[in-house]
Amino acid sequence: MSHPLSPDFTKMSNDELQEKLSKLQSQLMFASRSGNGELVHQMQLVLNDLNIEIETRNQKILADLEKKSPGFGNKINITK
């Protein structure tokens, strides 16, 4: 479920996303300690949107690596 007031995370840089993630997580901890369940729920929705954007970017990076190195995909080298 997406929060309707989430900013457009696709326009942010990776550094901005990480900074926003860190700030939101600390605010979420404060809100949960204060006992405000509704605020915690709303913040979790925004945090979920943020994590989805980060995961989407990570999947794109992985797909690009797999295209550049065909053997990169599903193999783990355990011969060492």
C-alpha atoms as a PDB file:
ATOM      1  CA  MET A   1       0.000   0.000   0.000  1.00  0.00           C
ATOM      2  CA  SER A   2       1.341   3.372  -0.962  1.00  0.00           C
ATOM      3  CA  HIS A   3       0.988   6.544   1.040  1.00  0.00           C
ATOM      4  CA  PRO A   4      -0.814   9.238  -0.996  1.00  0.00           C
ATOM      5  CA  LEU A   5       1.384  12.037   0.349  1.00  0.00           C
ATOM      6  CA  SER A   6       4.744  10.344  -0.257  1.00  0.00           C
ATOM      7  CA  PRO A   7       7.137  12.509  -2.246  1.00  0.00           C
ATOM      8  CA  ASP A   8       8.317  11.326  -5.654  1.00  0.00           C
ATOM      9  CA  PHE A   9      11.309   9.239  -4.593  1.00  0.00           C
ATOM     10  CA  THR A  10      12.250   8.531  -8.216  1.00  0.00           C
ATOM     11  CA  LYS A  11      13.558  12.089  -8.569  1.00  0.00           C
ATOM     12  CA  MET A  12      15.920  11.789  -5.578  1.00  0.00           C
ATOM     13  CA  SER A  13      19.552  10.753  -5.764  1.00  0.00           C
ATOM     14  CA  ASN A  14      20.756   7.622  -3.972  1.00  0.00           C
ATOM     15  CA  ASP A  15      22.380   9.774  -1.299  1.00  0.00           C
ATOM     16  CA  GLU A  16      19.152  11.681  -0.753  1.00  0.00           C
ATOM     17  CA  LEU A  17      17.249   8.403  -0.460  1.00  0.00           C
ATOM     18  CA  GLN A  18      19.666   7.064   2.140  1.00  0.00           C
ATOM     19  CA  GLU A  19      19.497  10.314   4.096  1.00  0.00           C
ATOM     20  CA  LYS A  20      15.681  10.273   3.968  1.00  0.00           C
ATOM     21  CA  LEU A  21      15.648   6.616   5.054  1.00  0.00           C
ATOM     22  CA  SER A  22      17.884   7.297   8.051  1.00  0.00           C
ATOM     23  CA  LYS A  23      15.879  10.346   9.127  1.00  0.00           C
ATOM     24  CA  LEU A  24      12.540   8.576   8.727  1.00  0.00           C
ATOM     25  CA  GLN A  25      13.700   5.547  10.703  1.00  0.00           C
ATOM     26  CA  SER A  26      14.800   7.706  13.627  1.00  0.00           C
ATOM     27  CA  GLN A  27      11.506   9.622  13.528  1.00  0.00           C
ATOM     28  CA  LEU A  28       9.623   6.331  13.426  1.00  0.00           C
ATOM     29  CA  MET A  29      11.439   5.112  16.538  1.00  0.00           C
ATOM     30  CA  PHE A  30      10.490   8.328  18.344  1.00  0.00           C
ATOM     31  CA  ALA A  31       6.860   8.057  17.224  1.00  0.00           C
ATOM     32  CA  SER A  32       6.613   4.431  18.316  1.00  0.00           C
ATOM     33  CA  ARG A  33       8.025   5.289  21.755  1.00  0.00           C
ATOM     34  CA  SER A  34       5.449   8.054  22.129  1.00  0.00           C
ATOM     35  CA  GLY A  35       2.642   5.548  21.606  1.00  0.00           C
ATOM     36  CA  ASN A  36       1.040   7.299  18.637  1.00  0.00           C
ATOM     37  CA  GLY A  37      -0.110   4.288  16.619  1.00  0.00           C
ATOM     38  CA  GLU A  38      -1.753   6.246  13.814  1.00  0.00           C
ATOM     39  CA  LEU A  39       1.400   8.285  13.185  1.00  0.00           C
ATOM     40  CA  VAL A  40       3.509   5.122  13.255  1.00  0.00           C
ATOM     41  CA  HIS A  41       1.247   3.522  10.647  1.00  0.00           C
ATOM     42  CA  GLN A  42       1.437   6.540   8.340  1.00  0.00           C
ATOM     43  CA  MET A  43       5.219   6.697   8.683  1.00  0.00           C
ATOM     44  CA  GLN A  44       5.483   2.968   7.931  1.00  0.00           C
ATOM     45  CA  LEU A  45       3.593   3.514   4.695  1.00  0.00           C
ATOM     46  CA  VAL A  46       6.046   6.225   3.609  1.00  0.00           C
ATOM     47  CA  LEU A  47       8.978   4.071   4.728  1.00  0.00           C
ATOM     48  CA  ASN A  48       7.594   1.205   2.646  1.00  0.00           C
ATOM     49  CA  ASP A  49       7.413   3.460  -0.434  1.00  0.00           C
ATOM     50  CA  LEU A  50      11.005   4.522   0.167  1.00  0.00           C
ATOM     51  CA  ASN A  51      12.198   0.918   0.548  1.00  0.00           C
ATOM     52  CA  ILE A  52      10.394  -0.068  -2.659  1.00  0.00           C
ATOM     53  CA  GLU A  53      12.246   2.661  -4.575  1.00  0.00           C
ATOM     54  CA  ILE A  54      15.593   1.561  -3.121  1.00  0.00           C
ATOM     55  CA  GLU A  55      14.859  -2.083  -3.994  1.00  0.00           C
ATOM     56  CA  THR A  56      13.820  -1.115  -7.537  1.00  0.00           C
ATOM     57  CA  ARG A  57      17.120   0.716  -8.033  1.00  0.00           C
ATOM     58  CA  ASN A  58      19.098  -2.207  -6.612  1.00  0.00           C
ATOM     59  CA  GLN A  59      17.331  -4.636  -8.968  1.00  0.00           C
ATOM     60  CA  LYS A  60      18.165  -2.388 -11.928  1.00  0.00           C
ATOM     61  CA  ILE A  61      21.835  -2.312 -10.902  1.00  0.00           C
ATOM     62  CA  LEU A  62      21.847  -6.106 -10.597  1.00  0.00           C
ATOM     63  CA  ALA A  63      20.205  -6.512 -14.016  1.00  0.00           C
ATOM     64  CA  ASP A  64      22.820  -4.204 -15.560  1.00  0.00           C
ATOM     65  CA  LEU A  65      25.620  -6.249 -13.966  1.00  0.00           C
ATOM     66  CA  GLU A  66      24.101  -9.475 -15.293  1.00  0.00           C
ATOM     67  CA  LYS A  67      23.991  -8.013 -18.814  1.00  0.00           C
ATOM     68  CA  LYS A  68      27.643  -6.970 -18.647  1.00  0.00           C
ATOM     69  CA  SER A  69      28.823 -10.281 -17.152  1.00  0.00           C
ATOM     70  CA  PRO A  70      26.690 -13.232 -18.270  1.00  0.00           C
ATOM     71  CA  GLY A  71      28.225 -15.516 -15.628  1.00  0.00           C
ATOM     72  CA  PHE A  72      27.346 -13.102 -12.835  1.00  0.00           C
ATOM     73  CA  GLY A  73      23.721 -14.171 -12.419  1.00  0.00           C
ATOM     74  CA  ASN A  74      22.823 -17.230 -10.415  1.00  0.00           C
ATOM     75  CA  LYS A  75      26.271 -18.691  -9.793  1.00  0.00           C
ATOM     76  CA  ILE A  76      28.307 -18.782  -6.622  1.00  0.00           C
ATOM     77  CA  ASN A  77      31.956 -19.758  -6.913  1.00  0.00           C
ATOM     78  CA  ILE A  78      32.886 -22.015  -3.989  1.00  0.00           C
ATOM     79  CA  THR A  79      36.139 -23.370  -5.427  1.00  0.00           C
ATOM     80  CA  LYS A  80      38.391 -21.020  -3.429  1.00  0.00           C
END
